[in-house]
C-alpha atoms as a PDB file:
ATOM      1  CA  MET A   1      70.143   9.918 -50.222  1.00  0.00           C
ATOM      2  CA  ASN A   2      69.207   7.960 -47.855  1.00  0.00           C
ATOM      3  CA  TYR A   3      71.546   8.832 -44.549  1.00  0.00           C
ATOM      4  CA  LEU A   4      69.978   7.732 -42.194  1.00  0.00           C
ATOM      5  CA  LYS A   5      70.724   4.160 -43.596  1.00  0.00           C
ATOM      6  CA  GLY A   6      71.605   1.607 -40.814  1.00  0.00           C
ATOM      7  CA  VAL A   7      68.919   3.262 -38.302  1.00  0.00           C
ATOM      8  CA  THR A   8      66.105   1.855 -37.044  1.00  0.00           C
ATOM      9  CA  ARG A   9      63.170   3.462 -36.400  1.00  0.00           C
ATOM     10  CA  MET A  10      61.236   2.971 -32.996  1.00  0.00           C
ATOM     11  CA  ASN A  11      57.586   4.006 -32.218  1.00  0.00           C
ATOM     12  CA  GLY A  12      56.818   6.967 -30.558  1.00  0.00           C
ATOM     13  CA  LEU A  13      59.963   8.975 -28.937  1.00  0.00           C
ATOM     14  CA  LYS A  14      63.546   8.169 -30.571  1.00  0.00           C
ATOM     15  CA  GLY A  15      64.682   6.174 -27.871  1.00  0.00           C
ATOM     16  CA  THR A  16      61.963   4.268 -26.555  1.00  0.00           C
ATOM     17  CA  ARG A  17      59.619   1.652 -27.463  1.00  0.00           C
ATOM     18  CA  ARG A  18      56.572   1.954 -26.276  1.00  0.00           C
ATOM     19  CA  ARG A  19      53.948  -1.025 -25.766  1.00  0.00           C
ATOM     20  CA  GLY A  20      50.396  -0.931 -26.109  1.00  0.00           C
ATOM     21  CA  LEU A  21      47.407  -3.172 -23.688  1.00  0.00           C
ATOM     22  CA  THR A  22      46.318  -5.362 -26.372  1.00  0.00           C
ATOM     23  CA  PRO A  23      42.633  -5.250 -27.125  1.00  0.00           C
ATOM     24  CA  VAL A  24      42.119  -8.429 -25.350  1.00  0.00           C
ATOM     25  CA  ILE A  25      43.521  -7.149 -21.613  1.00  0.00           C
ATOM     26  CA  SER A  26      41.848  -3.628 -22.642  1.00  0.00           C
ATOM     27  CA  THR A  27      38.356  -5.375 -23.167  1.00  0.00           C
ATOM     28  CA  ILE A  28      38.295  -7.174 -20.010  1.00  0.00           C
ATOM     29  CA  ILE A  29      39.270  -4.510 -17.954  1.00  0.00           C
ATOM     30  CA  ILE A  30      36.335  -2.534 -19.498  1.00  0.00           C
ATOM     31  CA  VAL A  31      33.879  -5.264 -18.683  1.00  0.00           C
ATOM     32  CA  SER A  32      35.006  -6.238 -15.141  1.00  0.00           C
ATOM     33  CA  VAL A  33      35.103  -2.298 -14.721  1.00  0.00           C
ATOM     34  CA  THR A  34      30.918  -2.073 -15.876  1.00  0.00           C
ATOM     35  CA  ILE A  35      30.117  -4.876 -13.992  1.00  0.00           C
ATOM     36  CA  SER A  36      31.860  -3.699 -10.991  1.00  0.00           C
ATOM     37  CA  ALA A  37      29.648  -0.173 -11.826  1.00  0.00           C
ATOM     38  CA  SER A  38      26.072  -1.823 -12.624  1.00  0.00           C
ATOM     39  CA  PHE A  39      26.172  -4.286  -9.454  1.00  0.00           C
ATOM     40  CA  SER A  40      27.071  -1.149  -7.154  1.00  0.00           C
ATOM     41  CA  ALA A  41      24.293   1.033  -8.199  1.00  0.00           C
ATOM     42  CA  ALA A  42      21.684  -1.856  -8.419  1.00  0.00           C
ATOM     43  CA  PHE A  43      22.545  -2.222  -4.781  1.00  0.00           C
ATOM     44  CA  PHE A  44      22.577   1.506  -4.116  1.00  0.00           C
ATOM     45  CA  ILE A  45      19.236   1.963  -5.722  1.00  0.00           C
ATOM     46  CA  ASN A  46      17.872  -1.576  -4.137  1.00  0.00           C
ATOM     47  CA  ALA A  47      18.403   0.328  -1.261  1.00  0.00           C
ATOM     48  CA  SER A  48      17.357   3.634  -1.105  1.00  0.00           C
ATOM     49  CA  GLY A  49      14.527   2.145  -3.156  1.00  0.00           C
ATOM     50  CA  TYR A  50      12.247   0.548   0.240  1.00  0.00           C
ATOM     51  CA  ALA A  51      12.637   3.573   1.250  1.00  0.00           C
ATOM     52  CA  PHE A  52      10.372   5.806  -0.653  1.00  0.00           C
ATOM     53  CA  THR A  53       8.473   2.829  -1.815  1.00  0.00           C
ATOM     54  CA  GLY A  54       6.376   1.957   0.576  1.00  0.00           C
ATOM     55  CA  PHE A  55       2.781   1.265  -0.461  1.00  0.00           C
ATOM     56  CA  GLU A  56      -0.452   0.940   2.171  1.00  0.00           C
ATOM     57  CA  LYS A  57      -2.482  -2.758   1.652  1.00  0.00           C
ATOM     58  CA  ILE A  58      -5.500  -3.430   3.809  1.00  0.00           C
ATOM     59  CA  VAL A  59      -7.300  -6.881   4.212  1.00  0.00           C
ATOM     60  CA  CYS A  60     -10.958  -6.880   5.767  1.00  0.00           C
ATOM     61  CA  GLU A  61     -10.220 -10.068   6.908  1.00  0.00           C
ATOM     62  CA  SER A  62     -14.556 -10.633   8.441  1.00  0.00           C
ATOM     63  CA  ALA A  63     -17.477  -8.884   8.686  1.00  0.00           C
ATOM     64  CA  ILE A  64     -19.774 -10.188  10.505  1.00  0.00           C
ATOM     65  CA  PRO A  65     -23.589  -8.529  11.347  1.00  0.00           C
ATOM     66  CA  SER A  66     -25.713  -8.892  14.072  1.00  0.00           C
ATOM     67  CA  TYR A  67     -28.827  -7.304  15.160  1.00  0.00           C
ATOM     68  CA  ASP A  68     -30.769  -6.101  18.317  1.00  0.00           C
ATOM     69  CA  PHE A  69     -33.876  -6.447  18.409  1.00  0.00           C
ATOM     70  CA  ALA A  70     -34.081  -4.171  21.592  1.00  0.00           C
ATOM     71  CA  SER A  71     -31.906  -0.769  19.515  1.00  0.00           C
ATOM     72  CA  LYS A  72     -33.105  -2.020  16.415  1.00  0.00           C
ATOM     73  CA  THR A  73     -29.675  -1.507  16.029  1.00  0.00           C
ATOM     74  CA  TRP A  74     -27.034  -3.453  13.242  1.00  0.00           C
ATOM     75  CA  LYS A  75     -23.786  -3.815  14.301  1.00  0.00           C
ATOM     76  CA  ILE A  76     -20.753  -4.937  12.039  1.00  0.00           C
ATOM     77  CA  SER A  77     -17.979  -6.657  13.733  1.00  0.00           C
ATOM     78  CA  ILE A  78     -15.130  -6.101  10.904  1.00  0.00           C
ATOM     79  CA  VAL A  79     -11.605  -8.012  11.283  1.00  0.00           C
ATOM     80  CA  VAL A  80      -9.512  -5.656   9.227  1.00  0.00           C
ATOM     81  CA  LYS A  81      -5.206  -6.410   8.085  1.00  0.00           C
ATOM     82  CA  ASN A  82      -2.364  -4.359   7.370  1.00  0.00           C
ATOM     83  CA  ILE A  83      -0.141  -6.176   4.140  1.00  0.00           C
ATOM     84  CA  GLY A  84       1.121  -3.295   3.365  1.00  0.00           C
ATOM     85  CA  THR A  85       4.620  -2.358   3.397  1.00  0.00           C
ATOM     86  CA  LYS A  86       3.629   1.050   5.950  1.00  0.00           C
ATOM     87  CA  THR A  87       1.704   1.868   8.647  1.00  0.00           C
ATOM     88  CA  SER A  88      -1.769   2.382   7.627  1.00  0.00           C
ATOM     89  CA  MET A  89      -4.531   5.500   8.561  1.00  0.00           C
ATOM     90  CA  ILE A  90      -8.225   4.330   8.982  1.00  0.00           C
ATOM     91  CA  SER A  91      -9.676   8.110   8.210  1.00  0.00           C
ATOM     92  CA  LYS A  92     -13.116   7.740   6.705  1.00  0.00           C
ATOM     93  CA  VAL A  93     -15.677   4.706   6.297  1.00  0.00           C
ATOM     94  CA  TYR A  94     -18.791   4.566   4.589  1.00  0.00           C
ATOM     95  CA  ALA A  95     -21.567   1.792   4.286  1.00  0.00           C
ATOM     96  CA  ASN A  96     -23.609   1.709   0.707  1.00  0.00           C
ATOM     97  CA  GLU A  97     -21.846   5.351  -0.141  1.00  0.00           C
ATOM     98  CA  VAL A  98     -23.118   7.283   3.036  1.00  0.00           C
ATOM     99  CA  ALA A  99     -19.903   8.160   5.378  1.00  0.00           C
ATOM    100  CA  LEU A 100     -20.341   7.396   8.582  1.00  0.00           C
ATOM    101  CA  SER A 101     -19.949   9.356  12.020  1.00  0.00           C
ATOM    102  CA  LEU A 102     -16.469   8.886  13.660  1.00  0.00           C
ATOM    103  CA  GLY A 103     -16.424   7.821  17.210  1.00  0.00           C
ATOM    104  CA  VAL A 104     -21.000   7.452  17.104  1.00  0.00           C
ATOM    105  CA  THR A 105     -21.772   4.143  18.809  1.00  0.00           C
ATOM    106  CA  ASP A 106     -24.887   4.837  20.169  1.00  0.00           C
ATOM    107  CA  PRO A 107     -26.759   6.865  16.194  1.00  0.00           C
ATOM    108  CA  ALA A 108     -29.728   8.197  15.917  1.00  0.00           C
ATOM    109  CA  PRO A 109     -32.385   6.308  13.401  1.00  0.00           C
ATOM    110  CA  GLY A 110     -31.497   6.056   9.829  1.00  0.00           C
ATOM    111  CA  ASN A 111     -27.852   6.661  10.602  1.00  0.00           C
ATOM    112  CA  GLY A 112     -24.829   5.218  11.079  1.00  0.00           C
ATOM    113  CA  GLY A 113     -21.416   5.229  13.108  1.00  0.00           C
ATOM    114  CA  VAL A 114     -17.805   3.711  14.039  1.00  0.00           C
ATOM    115  CA  ASP A 115     -16.575   2.736  17.011  1.00  0.00           C
ATOM    116  CA  ILE A 116     -12.846   4.559  15.537  1.00  0.00           C
ATOM    117  CA  PRO A 117     -11.803   8.424  17.058  1.00  0.00           C
ATOM    118  CA  ASP A 118     -12.757  11.576  14.618  1.00  0.00           C
ATOM    119  CA  ASP A 119      -9.138  11.716  13.690  1.00  0.00           C
ATOM    120  CA  GLY A 120      -9.010   7.727  12.426  1.00  0.00           C
ATOM    121  CA  VAL A 121      -6.648   4.747  13.880  1.00  0.00           C
ATOM    122  CA  SER A 122      -3.423   3.535  12.603  1.00  0.00           C
ATOM    123  CA  ILE A 123      -2.544  -0.135  11.897  1.00  0.00           C
ATOM    124  CA  ASN A 124       0.985  -0.955  11.628  1.00  0.00           C
ATOM    125  CA  GLN A 125       2.447  -3.371   8.725  1.00  0.00           C
ATOM    126  CA  GLY A 126       1.429  -6.863   9.686  1.00  0.00           C
ATOM    127  CA  ALA A 127      -0.524  -5.931  12.444  1.00  0.00           C
ATOM    128  CA  THR A 128      -4.944  -6.578  12.579  1.00  0.00           C
ATOM    129  CA  THR A 129      -7.639  -4.484  14.473  1.00  0.00           C
ATOM    130  CA  SER A 130     -11.039  -4.764  14.989  1.00  0.00           C
ATOM    131  CA  LEU A 131     -14.052  -1.773  14.462  1.00  0.00           C
ATOM    132  CA  ASN A 132     -17.686  -1.693  14.675  1.00  0.00           C
ATOM    133  CA  ILE A 133     -20.441  -0.141  12.861  1.00  0.00           C
ATOM    134  CA  TYR A 134     -23.060   0.924  13.676  1.00  0.00           C
ATOM    135  CA  ILE A 135     -26.544   1.232  12.294  1.00  0.00           C
ATOM    136  CA  GLU A 136     -29.793   2.419  13.446  1.00  0.00           C
ATOM    137  CA  GLN A 137     -33.067   0.920  11.556  1.00  0.00           C
ATOM    138  CA  GLY A 138     -35.634   4.045  11.345  1.00  0.00           C
ATOM    139  CA  GLY A 139     -36.120   7.567  10.401  1.00  0.00           C
ATOM    140  CA  LEU A 140     -38.087   8.290   7.452  1.00  0.00           C
ATOM    141  CA  SER A 141     -35.972   9.716   4.422  1.00  0.00           C
ATOM    142  CA  GLN A 142     -32.557   8.640   6.818  1.00  0.00           C
ATOM    143  CA  PRO A 143     -30.270   6.565   4.073  1.00  0.00           C
ATOM    144  CA  PHE A 144     -30.667   3.203   6.590  1.00  0.00           C
ATOM    145  CA  SER A 145     -34.713   3.941   7.632  1.00  0.00           C
ATOM    146  CA  ASP A 146     -35.201   0.460   5.134  1.00  0.00           C
ATOM    147  CA  LEU A 147     -32.001  -1.819   5.964  1.00  0.00           C
ATOM    148  CA  VAL A 148     -33.901  -4.853   7.051  1.00  0.00           C
ATOM    149  CA  GLY A 149     -32.303  -8.254   6.338  1.00  0.00           C
ATOM    150  CA  ARG A 150     -30.898 -10.072   2.714  1.00  0.00           C
ATOM    151  CA  LYS A 151     -30.103  -6.708   2.063  1.00  0.00           C
ATOM    152  CA  THR A 152     -25.699  -6.027   1.230  1.00  0.00           C
ATOM    153  CA  LEU A 153     -23.661  -3.466   2.364  1.00  0.00           C
ATOM    154  CA  LEU A 154     -21.046  -2.792   1.130  1.00  0.00           C
ATOM    155  CA  ILE A 155     -18.243  -1.197   3.493  1.00  0.00           C
ATOM    156  CA  LYS A 156     -15.533   1.073   2.088  1.00  0.00           C
ATOM    157  CA  LEU A 157     -12.305   2.054   4.307  1.00  0.00           C
ATOM    158  CA  THR A 158     -10.568   4.624   2.905  1.00  0.00           C
ATOM    159  CA  THR A 159      -6.608   5.531   4.711  1.00  0.00           C
ATOM    160  CA  GLY A 160      -5.392   8.441   4.499  1.00  0.00           C
ATOM    161  CA  GLU A 161      -3.652   8.439   1.387  1.00  0.00           C
ATOM    162  CA  GLY A 162      -7.369   8.655  -0.501  1.00  0.00           C
ATOM    163  CA  LEU A 163      -6.931   4.818  -1.300  1.00  0.00           C
ATOM    164  CA  GLU A 164      -9.874   2.737  -0.617  1.00  0.00           C
ATOM    165  CA  PHE A 165     -10.342  -1.238   0.369  1.00  0.00           C
ATOM    166  CA  VAL A 166     -14.297  -2.886   0.294  1.00  0.00           C
ATOM    167  CA  LYS A 167     -15.723  -5.460   2.084  1.00  0.00           C
ATOM    168  CA  ILE A 168     -19.452  -6.812   1.140  1.00  0.00           C
ATOM    169  CA  CYS A 169     -22.060  -7.633   3.802  1.00  0.00           C
ATOM    170  CA  GLU A 170     -24.607  -9.263   3.669  1.00  0.00           C
ATOM    171  CA  LEU A 171     -27.239  -9.559   6.382  1.00  0.00           C
ATOM    172  CA  CYS A 172     -29.295 -11.297   8.044  1.00  0.00           C
ATOM    173  CA  PRO A 173     -32.476 -11.029   8.563  1.00  0.00           C
ATOM    174  CA  PRO A 174     -34.128  -9.591  11.806  1.00  0.00           C
ATOM    175  CA  ASN A 175     -36.274 -12.573  12.748  1.00  0.00           C
ATOM    176  CA  ALA A 176     -33.540 -15.467  12.476  1.00  0.00           C
END
């Protein structure tokens, strides 16, 4: 009872022949789409990443101390360079863990100051700036009353984001 004898069966719909892509061609298409999508995503992430991932880093290139015998004041000249990827703002300066007064170039005996403004100093990317620390000897119980020659001074610069950068400076004897 095979009354369909002699009729060939077609794939799919009657009268049409469907042909699919070979597995090799479909794999090549999928791989090329994946690679192009990953390259586009990588370029987008790389381009937008620099806008959000800048960092602050400053380096104290030098700290040169000098002593004024008349006023018994140490003057430490510091050169600072910004090697980060964005502008840095020095907002606080410490010497031996004691906060120095901003904008003070003639401190009271036993105290210290630094010649940057009260709102800090801004250093652009790649730029160099200098600042001076003034510490007057004297005073009885002040933080710098016994600051004589051959002492080390730990200078710490704090940025607006709270990062701290340290420079150690050895003070020469005042009688040298």
